[in-house]
């Protein structure tokens, strides 16, 4: 009997510790079913493409995977859009309440006849992640896709509408043709803004779409991969887990958020074809969260055992790619957290969490 009591106490303590650890997570988001999806493709949106010299309906096929940021007490949603040739460009929609958005007529970021054309045409520019810089300007990581290789790139802006392309994040020759995407820079909340912040005199970025890797910079402009000195290979800081919702791959969501408990990284996971979780269909995209040490961003401290958002609505379960909730936008606005995500690679939805 004493052994059973001892075992119960151990289990109770273990549960209490785990429950306490999970307090760092940003959970309890509620999908706004009354208005979702908040953005859908629009065949009326046209644009004169400078590369093809044709007028294209640039968001005719899909809108998906948005980033979000607060400026002038409004939410700027920068989203990926695809035409019927599957070329991706980035559009802008603005909202005063976080729920109802007005789109700009033309894309704000797109393949052009510039130095990045070889990386961006004709797959396009994909999956933006925007964060404010300490000087009030903005930096956006994005994926360039030439039809064969996805490369992690970045651009800068002072107004979120006009952007200057800065090229590849990893400029070393050995990384030029490396498949790399989805750069989430570590930031800290200051009021309703998320501002890139240094840790040990460096800015940090999580990236990747199978395992997660890291890059660092002293000025947000010159980035280096975090490399194991002995093997000269990039360090991997987060991996898929067999038997879980993220058994197939992991990929960053929005920026990584520096909190008192550590660095919270919302990430997207995909369920493998086998050795997966039976709770979700294979290849389902759902989102979880990981906690990294606030002084050592490469040190994983904790991880949610399950997803906190997954496809359960018709527009999330069926589309260009079935069974997808892909989280990429997060803002703190009017004392609430607004989470924006792509649904079935076809539309965009929102979920809200009270602070």
Foldseek 3Di string as FASTA:
>chain_A
DVVVVVVVVVVVVVVVVVVVVCVVDDFDWFFPVVCPPQWFFDQPQWDQAQVVRDIFSAQRFFKFQWAWFDDPQKIKIWIWGHTPVQAIAIWIWIGNPLRHTDTDSHGLGWQHPDPCNQQAPPNMKHRWAKAAEPVQKIKIWIWHHRPPATFIFMWIGNPVRHIDTQGGQAPPPVCPRPRKGAKAKEFEDDPFHTYQDDAPQWIKIWIDKAFIFIWIDNHVRHIDTCADPPVRHTDTQGHADQAAQQNGGKGFAYHWYQDPSATKTKIKGFADCPSGHPVDHHRAIFIWIWGAHRNDRSHTDDTDRHGNDWDDDPQQQDGCAGTYWGWHYWTCHPQKIKTKGTGNSHTITIIIGHD
